Amino acid sequence: MLPISEPYAQLLHRLRGVAREELSPRFRGRLSVSEKSDGSLVTSADHAVDARFRQLARELFPGMHVLSEEQPREEQGAVLASGEDFWLVDPLDGTTNFAGGLPFFAVSAALIRDGRVEFGATYDPVRDEMFSAQRSHGLLLNGERPPPRRFDAERLEQCTALVDFKRLPPALAQALALQAPYRSQRNLGACALEWAWLAAGRADLYLHGGQALWDCAAGALMLTESGGHLTDLDGGPVFRRSLHKPSAIAASSRTLHERWLRWLDEKRCGCSTST
């Protein structure tokens, strides 16, 4: 495993500080909460981290665009249409958890270069865990290789799955509820954190009905760098330079991914299946 390059190491160090200074006090104290036009929540913590990350990006990567979840959609589209490299940031992944006092949230950022994810970082301030990956350098957890998996699942029925049901096709959600092929299922309510945990070996399978590019960019690279595999439900890419929200199907290995996707395909078409 190669050491992480500068100035990425600088960004990780300072991103940790931003999260501790802006998120931790607000999680324990007063917080301003409002609704966006789509019904999702946004808080004063989202805006504070967004502003601090932009400042950090200007200092370490002068002249580079920033695309944030908290930008107006027109500005997001302009960054994507420019064709230039940019930083992609979710200032507070898991805002609903954060606002409700559930300790599952993170800050996530990714560098998009030449249309693909070059570097990604997701920081969990509650557990002080910084997950990061640079392309062709491997996955790191707090600067070191994550501990080895405690159990390598080979069959779907041995797996722990991270599944978000709310955006799945109803027939598929019903099949998962009544005929789940895996051992157990969890949902953290924070996409970037779920990707990081999957990459670090804390789960075996992942399924999400539709997520934004800031939800999956860092995690998609982390999973790939840890030997995992991912596609959308139709076998296409998950990360796209687009505001479209594709589905996400992932697993800790290519073999498990093939079996997981085959099971999902068979349930979508009403066929019988085996694990």
C-alpha atoms as a PDB file:
ATOM      1  CA  MET A   1       0.000   0.000   0.000  1.00  0.00           C
ATOM      2  CA  LEU A   2       1.380   3.372  -1.049  1.00  0.00           C
ATOM      3  CA  PRO A   3       1.435   6.339   1.357  1.00  0.00           C
ATOM      4  CA  ILE A   4      -1.194   9.000   0.760  1.00  0.00           C
ATOM      5  CA  SER A   5      -0.038  11.967  -1.310  1.00  0.00           C
ATOM      6  CA  GLU A   6       0.199  15.583  -0.296  1.00  0.00           C
ATOM      7  CA  PRO A   7      -1.860  17.757  -0.146  1.00  0.00           C
ATOM      8  CA  TYR A   8      -4.476  15.035   0.532  1.00  0.00           C
ATOM      9  CA  ALA A   9      -2.863  14.320   3.892  1.00  0.00           C
ATOM     10  CA  GLN A  10      -3.217  17.996   4.772  1.00  0.00           C
ATOM     11  CA  LEU A  11      -6.870  17.950   3.761  1.00  0.00           C
ATOM     12  CA  LEU A  12      -7.588  14.913   5.961  1.00  0.00           C
ATOM     13  CA  HIS A  13      -5.965  16.553   8.975  1.00  0.00           C
ATOM     14  CA  ARG A  14      -7.865  19.775   8.553  1.00  0.00           C
ATOM     15  CA  LEU A  15     -11.158  18.114   7.642  1.00  0.00           C
ATOM     16  CA  ARG A  16     -11.059  16.272  10.953  1.00  0.00           C
ATOM     17  CA  GLY A  17     -10.642  19.609  12.716  1.00  0.00           C
ATOM     18  CA  VAL A  18     -13.548  21.183  10.825  1.00  0.00           C
ATOM     19  CA  ALA A  19     -15.890  18.332  11.787  1.00  0.00           C
ATOM     20  CA  ARG A  20     -14.871  18.462  15.433  1.00  0.00           C
ATOM     21  CA  GLU A  21     -15.303  22.223  15.606  1.00  0.00           C
ATOM     22  CA  GLU A  22     -18.540  22.545  13.641  1.00  0.00           C
ATOM     23  CA  LEU A  23     -20.423  19.273  14.127  1.00  0.00           C
ATOM     24  CA  SER A  24     -19.608  17.986  17.605  1.00  0.00           C
ATOM     25  CA  PRO A  25     -20.737  21.104  19.553  1.00  0.00           C
ATOM     26  CA  ARG A  26     -23.942  21.403  17.512  1.00  0.00           C
ATOM     27  CA  PHE A  27     -24.759  17.711  17.962  1.00  0.00           C
ATOM     28  CA  ARG A  28     -24.684  18.199  21.720  1.00  0.00           C
ATOM     29  CA  GLY A  29     -26.148  21.715  21.797  1.00  0.00           C
ATOM     30  CA  ARG A  30     -28.448  24.117  19.981  1.00  0.00           C
ATOM     31  CA  LEU A  31     -29.207  23.540  16.309  1.00  0.00           C
ATOM     32  CA  SER A  32     -31.207  25.389  13.670  1.00  0.00           C
ATOM     33  CA  VAL A  33     -33.208  22.974  11.487  1.00  0.00           C
ATOM     34  CA  SER A  34     -35.313  23.663   8.380  1.00  0.00           C
ATOM     35  CA  GLU A  35     -36.784  21.769   5.413  1.00  0.00           C
ATOM     36  CA  LYS A  36     -35.618  21.947   1.810  1.00  0.00           C
ATOM     37  CA  SER A  37     -38.059  22.031  -1.080  1.00  0.00           C
ATOM     38  CA  ASP A  38     -37.784  18.231  -1.436  1.00  0.00           C
ATOM     39  CA  GLY A  39     -38.716  17.704   2.232  1.00  0.00           C
ATOM     40  CA  SER A  40     -35.225  16.728   3.408  1.00  0.00           C
ATOM     41  CA  LEU A  41     -33.690  18.487   6.388  1.00  0.00           C
ATOM     42  CA  VAL A  42     -30.881  21.022   6.422  1.00  0.00           C
ATOM     43  CA  THR A  43     -29.279  22.434   9.556  1.00  0.00           C
ATOM     44  CA  SER A  44     -26.938  25.168  10.648  1.00  0.00           C
ATOM     45  CA  ALA A  45     -24.293  22.430  10.926  1.00  0.00           C
ATOM     46  CA  ASP A  46     -24.604  21.601   7.192  1.00  0.00           C
ATOM     47  CA  HIS A  47     -24.065  25.250   6.278  1.00  0.00           C
ATOM     48  CA  ALA A  48     -21.168  25.722   8.705  1.00  0.00           C
ATOM     49  CA  VAL A  49     -19.207  22.740   7.379  1.00  0.00           C
ATOM     50  CA  ASP A  50     -20.003  23.719   3.793  1.00  0.00           C
ATOM     51  CA  ALA A  51     -18.470  27.174   4.320  1.00  0.00           C
ATOM     52  CA  ARG A  52     -15.411  25.784   6.094  1.00  0.00           C
ATOM     53  CA  PHE A  53     -14.771  23.166   3.391  1.00  0.00           C
ATOM     54  CA  ARG A  54     -14.928  25.787   0.660  1.00  0.00           C
ATOM     55  CA  GLN A  55     -12.331  27.824   2.508  1.00  0.00           C
ATOM     56  CA  LEU A  56     -10.167  24.736   2.961  1.00  0.00           C
ATOM     57  CA  ALA A  57     -10.425  23.825  -0.729  1.00  0.00           C
ATOM     58  CA  ARG A  58      -9.459  27.358  -1.781  1.00  0.00           C
ATOM     59  CA  GLU A  59      -6.339  27.214   0.371  1.00  0.00           C
ATOM     60  CA  LEU A  60      -5.150  23.724  -0.611  1.00  0.00           C
ATOM     61  CA  PHE A  61      -6.452  23.516  -4.193  1.00  0.00           C
ATOM     62  CA  PRO A  62      -6.617  27.097  -5.522  1.00  0.00           C
ATOM     63  CA  GLY A  63      -8.956  27.710  -8.424  1.00  0.00           C
ATOM     64  CA  MET A  64     -10.733  24.356  -8.234  1.00  0.00           C
ATOM     65  CA  HIS A  65     -14.537  24.273  -8.260  1.00  0.00           C
ATOM     66  CA  VAL A  66     -16.549  22.898  -5.327  1.00  0.00           C
ATOM     67  CA  LEU A  67     -19.870  21.127  -5.797  1.00  0.00           C
ATOM     68  CA  SER A  68     -21.784  20.777  -2.536  1.00  0.00           C
ATOM     69  CA  GLU A  69     -25.100  19.203  -1.623  1.00  0.00           C
ATOM     70  CA  GLU A  70     -26.050  22.576  -0.156  1.00  0.00           C
ATOM     71  CA  GLN A  71     -25.588  24.553  -3.388  1.00  0.00           C
ATOM     72  CA  PRO A  72     -28.592  25.609  -5.481  1.00  0.00           C
ATOM     73  CA  ARG A  73     -29.224  23.071  -8.226  1.00  0.00           C
ATOM     74  CA  GLU A  74     -28.336  25.603 -10.908  1.00  0.00           C
ATOM     75  CA  GLU A  75     -24.867  26.062  -9.422  1.00  0.00           C
ATOM     76  CA  GLN A  76     -24.393  22.303  -9.127  1.00  0.00           C
ATOM     77  CA  GLY A  77     -25.314  21.919 -12.788  1.00  0.00           C
ATOM     78  CA  ALA A  78     -22.907  24.662 -13.807  1.00  0.00           C
ATOM     79  CA  VAL A  79     -19.989  22.885 -12.101  1.00  0.00           C
ATOM     80  CA  LEU A  80     -20.842  19.621 -13.854  1.00  0.00           C
ATOM     81  CA  ALA A  81     -21.306  21.345 -17.214  1.00  0.00           C
ATOM     82  CA  SER A  82     -17.923  23.071 -16.973  1.00  0.00           C
ATOM     83  CA  GLY A  83     -16.118  19.807 -17.698  1.00  0.00           C
ATOM     84  CA  GLU A  84     -13.411  20.786 -15.196  1.00  0.00           C
ATOM     85  CA  ASP A  85     -12.120  18.931 -12.159  1.00  0.00           C
ATOM     86  CA  PHE A  86     -13.892  19.687  -8.889  1.00  0.00           C
ATOM     87  CA  TRP A  87     -14.277  18.836  -5.223  1.00  0.00           C
ATOM     88  CA  LEU A  88     -17.537  17.153  -4.311  1.00  0.00           C
ATOM     89  CA  VAL A  89     -18.685  17.522  -0.697  1.00  0.00           C
ATOM     90  CA  ASP A  90     -21.519  16.383   1.521  1.00  0.00           C
ATOM     91  CA  PRO A  91     -21.042  18.657   4.553  1.00  0.00           C
ATOM     92  CA  LEU A  92     -23.255  16.495   6.759  1.00  0.00           C
ATOM     93  CA  ASP A  93     -24.159  13.019   5.599  1.00  0.00           C
ATOM     94  CA  GLY A  94     -27.006  11.763   7.785  1.00  0.00           C
ATOM     95  CA  THR A  95     -28.640  15.108   8.563  1.00  0.00           C
ATOM     96  CA  THR A  96     -31.856  13.507   9.844  1.00  0.00           C
ATOM     97  CA  ASN A  97     -29.834  11.350  12.249  1.00  0.00           C
ATOM     98  CA  PHE A  98     -27.877  14.407  13.374  1.00  0.00           C
ATOM     99  CA  ALA A  99     -30.998  16.497  13.969  1.00  0.00           C
ATOM    100  CA  GLY A 100     -32.667  13.660  15.876  1.00  0.00           C
ATOM    101  CA  GLY A 101     -29.679  12.863  18.081  1.00  0.00           C
ATOM    102  CA  LEU A 102     -28.727   9.549  16.423  1.00  0.00           C
ATOM    103  CA  PRO A 103     -24.908   9.201  16.387  1.00  0.00           C
ATOM    104  CA  PHE A 104     -24.561   8.068  12.773  1.00  0.00           C
ATOM    105  CA  PHE A 105     -23.382  10.928  10.560  1.00  0.00           C
ATOM    106  CA  ALA A 106     -20.243  12.038   8.744  1.00  0.00           C
ATOM    107  CA  VAL A 107     -18.544  14.564   6.490  1.00  0.00           C
ATOM    108  CA  SER A 108     -17.664  13.233   3.052  1.00  0.00           C
ATOM    109  CA  ALA A 109     -15.586  14.718   0.231  1.00  0.00           C
ATOM    110  CA  ALA A 110     -14.208  13.488  -3.073  1.00  0.00           C
ATOM    111  CA  LEU A 111     -11.955  14.879  -5.775  1.00  0.00           C
ATOM    112  CA  ILE A 112     -13.342  14.333  -9.272  1.00  0.00           C
ATOM    113  CA  ARG A 113     -10.571  14.417 -11.860  1.00  0.00           C
ATOM    114  CA  ASP A 114     -10.997  13.583 -15.562  1.00  0.00           C
ATOM    115  CA  GLY A 115     -14.531  12.380 -14.873  1.00  0.00           C
ATOM    116  CA  ARG A 116     -13.659   9.836 -12.197  1.00  0.00           C
ATOM    117  CA  VAL A 117     -13.079   9.805  -8.440  1.00  0.00           C
ATOM    118  CA  GLU A 118      -9.381  10.332  -7.724  1.00  0.00           C
ATOM    119  CA  PHE A 119      -9.560  10.708  -3.935  1.00  0.00           C
ATOM    120  CA  GLY A 120     -12.241  10.309  -1.279  1.00  0.00           C
ATOM    121  CA  ALA A 121     -12.585  10.836   2.456  1.00  0.00           C
ATOM    122  CA  THR A 122     -15.386  10.211   4.949  1.00  0.00           C
ATOM    123  CA  TYR A 123     -14.959  11.287   8.567  1.00  0.00           C
ATOM    124  CA  ASP A 124     -17.118  10.049  11.456  1.00  0.00           C
ATOM    125  CA  PRO A 125     -16.545  12.476  14.365  1.00  0.00           C
ATOM    126  CA  VAL A 126     -18.475  10.376  16.894  1.00  0.00           C
ATOM    127  CA  ARG A 127     -16.044   7.460  16.586  1.00  0.00           C
ATOM    128  CA  ASP A 128     -13.122   9.591  15.354  1.00  0.00           C
ATOM    129  CA  GLU A 129     -12.756   7.421  12.249  1.00  0.00           C
ATOM    130  CA  MET A 130     -11.322   8.879   9.061  1.00  0.00           C
ATOM    131  CA  PHE A 131     -11.821   6.600   6.051  1.00  0.00           C
ATOM    132  CA  SER A 132      -9.871   7.622   2.962  1.00  0.00           C
ATOM    133  CA  ALA A 133      -8.753   6.292  -0.400  1.00  0.00           C
ATOM    134  CA  GLN A 134      -6.563   7.581  -3.190  1.00  0.00           C
ATOM    135  CA  ARG A 135      -6.849   5.795  -6.516  1.00  0.00           C
ATOM    136  CA  SER A 136      -4.382   2.854  -6.696  1.00  0.00           C
ATOM    137  CA  HIS A 137      -3.253   3.472  -3.091  1.00  0.00           C
ATOM    138  CA  GLY A 138      -5.749   1.311  -1.177  1.00  0.00           C
ATOM    139  CA  LEU A 139      -8.191   2.018   1.640  1.00  0.00           C
ATOM    140  CA  LEU A 140      -7.036   3.649   4.872  1.00  0.00           C
ATOM    141  CA  LEU A 141      -8.704   3.992   8.255  1.00  0.00           C
ATOM    142  CA  ASN A 142      -7.069   6.691  10.371  1.00  0.00           C
ATOM    143  CA  GLY A 143      -4.015   6.476   8.136  1.00  0.00           C
ATOM    144  CA  GLU A 144      -3.563   2.699   8.364  1.00  0.00           C
ATOM    145  CA  ARG A 145      -4.874  -0.382   6.611  1.00  0.00           C
ATOM    146  CA  PRO A 146      -8.206  -1.407   8.231  1.00  0.00           C
ATOM    147  CA  PRO A 147      -8.228  -4.587  10.353  1.00  0.00           C
ATOM    148  CA  PRO A 148      -8.867  -7.748   8.314  1.00  0.00           C
ATOM    149  CA  ARG A 149     -12.428  -8.955   7.962  1.00  0.00           C
ATOM    150  CA  ARG A 150     -13.455 -11.148  10.869  1.00  0.00           C
ATOM    151  CA  PHE A 151     -15.485 -13.409   8.594  1.00  0.00           C
ATOM    152  CA  ASP A 152     -15.362 -13.725   4.804  1.00  0.00           C
ATOM    153  CA  ALA A 153     -18.863 -14.561   3.607  1.00  0.00           C
ATOM    154  CA  GLU A 154     -19.001 -16.788   0.541  1.00  0.00           C
ATOM    155  CA  ARG A 155     -22.779 -17.245   0.200  1.00  0.00           C
ATOM    156  CA  LEU A 156     -25.571 -14.678   0.420  1.00  0.00           C
ATOM    157  CA  GLU A 157     -27.116 -16.395   3.434  1.00  0.00           C
ATOM    158  CA  GLN A 158     -23.893 -15.713   5.371  1.00  0.00           C
ATOM    159  CA  CYS A 159     -23.977 -11.970   4.671  1.00  0.00           C
ATOM    160  CA  THR A 160     -24.862  -8.839   6.579  1.00  0.00           C
ATOM    161  CA  ALA A 161     -26.533  -6.369   4.227  1.00  0.00           C
ATOM    162  CA  LEU A 162     -26.906  -2.590   4.403  1.00  0.00           C
ATOM    163  CA  VAL A 163     -30.261  -1.902   2.718  1.00  0.00           C
ATOM    164  CA  ASP A 164     -32.272   1.307   2.315  1.00  0.00           C
ATOM    165  CA  PHE A 165     -35.842   0.273   1.480  1.00  0.00           C
ATOM    166  CA  LYS A 166     -37.540   3.610   0.824  1.00  0.00           C
ATOM    167  CA  ARG A 167     -36.413   4.140  -2.805  1.00  0.00           C
ATOM    168  CA  LEU A 168     -36.621   0.533  -3.980  1.00  0.00           C
ATOM    169  CA  PRO A 169     -39.258  -0.708  -6.431  1.00  0.00           C
ATOM    170  CA  PRO A 170     -42.170  -1.939  -4.247  1.00  0.00           C
ATOM    171  CA  ALA A 171     -42.043  -5.514  -5.552  1.00  0.00           C
ATOM    172  CA  LEU A 172     -38.337  -5.774  -4.807  1.00  0.00           C
ATOM    173  CA  ALA A 173     -38.747  -4.260  -1.338  1.00  0.00           C
ATOM    174  CA  GLN A 174     -41.478  -6.794  -0.603  1.00  0.00           C
ATOM    175  CA  ALA A 175     -39.297  -9.695  -1.762  1.00  0.00           C
ATOM    176  CA  LEU A 176     -36.483  -8.500   0.493  1.00  0.00           C
ATOM    177  CA  ALA A 177     -38.854  -8.182   3.458  1.00  0.00           C
ATOM    178  CA  LEU A 178     -40.396 -11.634   2.983  1.00  0.00           C
ATOM    179  CA  GLN A 179     -37.618 -13.702   1.359  1.00  0.00           C
ATOM    180  CA  ALA A 180     -34.354 -11.995   2.296  1.00  0.00           C
ATOM    181  CA  PRO A 181     -31.361 -14.014   1.059  1.00  0.00           C
ATOM    182  CA  TYR A 182     -28.934 -12.598   3.628  1.00  0.00           C
ATOM    183  CA  ARG A 183     -28.346 -13.379   7.305  1.00  0.00           C
ATOM    184  CA  SER A 184     -29.185  -9.919   8.643  1.00  0.00           C
ATOM    185  CA  GLN A 185     -29.925  -6.368   7.492  1.00  0.00           C
ATOM    186  CA  ARG A 186     -29.050  -2.865   8.753  1.00  0.00           C
ATOM    187  CA  ASN A 187     -29.598   0.738   7.627  1.00  0.00           C
ATOM    188  CA  LEU A 188     -27.540   3.549   9.176  1.00  0.00           C
ATOM    189  CA  GLY A 189     -29.356   6.435   7.508  1.00  0.00           C
ATOM    190  CA  ALA A 190     -26.055   7.875   6.275  1.00  0.00           C
ATOM    191  CA  CYS A 191     -25.029   6.702   2.795  1.00  0.00           C
ATOM    192  CA  ALA A 192     -21.393   7.829   2.848  1.00  0.00           C
ATOM    193  CA  LEU A 193     -20.869   6.166   6.215  1.00  0.00           C
ATOM    194  CA  GLU A 194     -22.471   2.942   4.982  1.00  0.00           C
ATOM    195  CA  TRP A 195     -20.117   2.863   1.974  1.00  0.00           C
ATOM    196  CA  ALA A 196     -17.129   3.373   4.279  1.00  0.00           C
ATOM    197  CA  TRP A 197     -18.247   0.608   6.624  1.00  0.00           C
ATOM    198  CA  LEU A 198     -18.825  -1.767   3.711  1.00  0.00           C
ATOM    199  CA  ALA A 199     -15.352  -1.007   2.355  1.00  0.00           C
ATOM    200  CA  ALA A 200     -13.844  -1.586   5.808  1.00  0.00           C
ATOM    201  CA  GLY A 201     -15.438  -5.044   6.065  1.00  0.00           C
ATOM    202  CA  ARG A 202     -18.210  -4.307   8.553  1.00  0.00           C
ATOM    203  CA  ALA A 203     -20.890  -5.524   6.130  1.00  0.00           C
ATOM    204  CA  ASP A 204     -20.952  -7.702   3.029  1.00  0.00           C
ATOM    205  CA  LEU A 205     -23.749  -6.359   0.804  1.00  0.00           C
ATOM    206  CA  TYR A 206     -25.260  -2.974  -0.025  1.00  0.00           C
ATOM    207  CA  LEU A 207     -28.459  -1.865  -1.735  1.00  0.00           C
ATOM    208  CA  HIS A 208     -29.875   1.610  -2.264  1.00  0.00           C
ATOM    209  CA  GLY A 209     -32.698   2.613  -4.585  1.00  0.00           C
ATOM    210  CA  GLY A 210     -31.258   5.952  -5.652  1.00  0.00           C
ATOM    211  CA  GLN A 211     -28.584   8.262  -4.303  1.00  0.00           C
ATOM    212  CA  ALA A 212     -26.864  11.477  -5.321  1.00  0.00           C
ATOM    213  CA  LEU A 213     -23.278  11.657  -6.531  1.00  0.00           C
ATOM    214  CA  TRP A 214     -22.098  13.178  -3.215  1.00  0.00           C
ATOM    215  CA  ASP A 215     -23.577  10.171  -1.385  1.00  0.00           C
ATOM    216  CA  CYS A 216     -21.532   7.587  -3.273  1.00  0.00           C
ATOM    217  CA  ALA A 217     -18.411   9.193  -4.769  1.00  0.00           C
ATOM    218  CA  ALA A 218     -15.951   8.725  -1.901  1.00  0.00           C
ATOM    219  CA  GLY A 219     -17.410   5.377  -0.910  1.00  0.00           C
ATOM    220  CA  ALA A 220     -17.367   3.961  -4.427  1.00  0.00           C
ATOM    221  CA  LEU A 221     -13.619   4.547  -4.593  1.00  0.00           C
ATOM    222  CA  MET A 222     -13.095   3.164  -1.085  1.00  0.00           C
ATOM    223  CA  LEU A 223     -14.934  -0.037  -1.912  1.00  0.00           C
ATOM    224  CA  THR A 224     -13.057  -0.520  -5.166  1.00  0.00           C
ATOM    225  CA  GLU A 225      -9.738   0.094  -3.411  1.00  0.00           C
ATOM    226  CA  SER A 226     -10.634  -2.557  -0.805  1.00  0.00           C
ATOM    227  CA  GLY A 227     -11.450  -5.199  -3.413  1.00  0.00           C
ATOM    228  CA  GLY A 228     -15.223  -4.788  -3.536  1.00  0.00           C
ATOM    229  CA  HIS A 229     -17.476  -4.370  -6.556  1.00  0.00           C
ATOM    230  CA  LEU A 230     -20.468  -2.147  -7.351  1.00  0.00           C
ATOM    231  CA  THR A 231     -22.972  -1.351 -10.110  1.00  0.00           C
ATOM    232  CA  ASP A 232     -26.485   0.004 -10.381  1.00  0.00           C
ATOM    233  CA  LEU A 233     -29.467  -2.369 -10.688  1.00  0.00           C
ATOM    234  CA  ASP A 234     -28.941  -2.548 -14.451  1.00  0.00           C
ATOM    235  CA  GLY A 235     -25.232  -3.318 -14.211  1.00  0.00           C
ATOM    236  CA  GLY A 236     -24.078   0.227 -15.021  1.00  0.00           C
ATOM    237  CA  PRO A 237     -21.842   2.596 -13.033  1.00  0.00           C
ATOM    238  CA  VAL A 238     -22.993   4.026  -9.702  1.00  0.00           C
ATOM    239  CA  PHE A 239     -20.924   7.211  -9.700  1.00  0.00           C
ATOM    240  CA  ARG A 240     -21.820   9.478 -12.609  1.00  0.00           C
ATOM    241  CA  ARG A 241     -20.991  13.069 -13.390  1.00  0.00           C
ATOM    242  CA  SER A 242     -24.688  13.870 -13.214  1.00  0.00           C
ATOM    243  CA  LEU A 243     -27.411  14.985 -10.807  1.00  0.00           C
ATOM    244  CA  HIS A 244     -29.355  11.843 -11.727  1.00  0.00           C
ATOM    245  CA  LYS A 245     -29.736   9.445  -8.760  1.00  0.00           C
ATOM    246  CA  PRO A 246     -28.907   5.879  -9.821  1.00  0.00           C
ATOM    247  CA  SER A 247     -29.495   2.797  -7.719  1.00  0.00           C
ATOM    248  CA  ALA A 248     -26.505   1.179  -6.017  1.00  0.00           C
ATOM    249  CA  ILE A 249     -25.764  -2.531  -5.652  1.00  0.00           C
ATOM    250  CA  ALA A 250     -22.466  -3.457  -3.999  1.00  0.00           C
ATOM    251  CA  ALA A 251     -20.638  -6.275  -2.260  1.00  0.00           C
ATOM    252  CA  SER A 252     -17.319  -6.943  -0.609  1.00  0.00           C
ATOM    253  CA  SER A 253     -16.226  -9.168  -3.525  1.00  0.00           C
ATOM    254  CA  ARG A 254     -17.011  -9.555  -7.207  1.00  0.00           C
ATOM    255  CA  THR A 255     -18.380 -13.068  -6.621  1.00  0.00           C
ATOM    256  CA  LEU A 256     -20.803 -11.893  -3.942  1.00  0.00           C
ATOM    257  CA  HIS A 257     -21.822  -8.966  -6.112  1.00  0.00           C
ATOM    258  CA  GLU A 258     -22.671 -11.285  -9.001  1.00  0.00           C
ATOM    259  CA  ARG A 259     -24.791 -13.481  -6.728  1.00  0.00           C
ATOM    260  CA  TRP A 260     -26.472 -10.484  -5.089  1.00  0.00           C
ATOM    261  CA  LEU A 261     -27.287  -8.842  -8.430  1.00  0.00           C
ATOM    262  CA  ARG A 262     -28.564 -12.137  -9.856  1.00  0.00           C
ATOM    263  CA  TRP A 263     -30.907 -12.584  -6.885  1.00  0.00           C
ATOM    264  CA  LEU A 264     -32.196  -9.015  -7.256  1.00  0.00           C
ATOM    265  CA  ASP A 265     -32.688  -9.451 -11.013  1.00  0.00           C
ATOM    266  CA  GLU A 266     -34.664 -12.645 -10.506  1.00  0.00           C
ATOM    267  CA  LYS A 267     -36.911 -11.019  -7.927  1.00  0.00           C
ATOM    268  CA  ARG A 268     -37.480  -8.023 -10.188  1.00  0.00           C
ATOM    269  CA  CYS A 269     -38.653 -10.296 -12.995  1.00  0.00           C
ATOM    270  CA  GLY A 270     -40.602 -12.674 -10.727  1.00  0.00           C
ATOM    271  CA  CYS A 271     -38.329 -15.665 -11.309  1.00  0.00           C
ATOM    272  CA  SER A 272     -37.314 -18.247  -8.730  1.00  0.00           C
ATOM    273  CA  THR A 273     -33.789 -18.026  -7.361  1.00  0.00           C
ATOM    274  CA  SER A 274     -31.213 -19.716  -5.168  1.00  0.00           C
ATOM    275  CA  THR A 275     -28.286 -18.270  -3.203  1.00  0.00           C
END
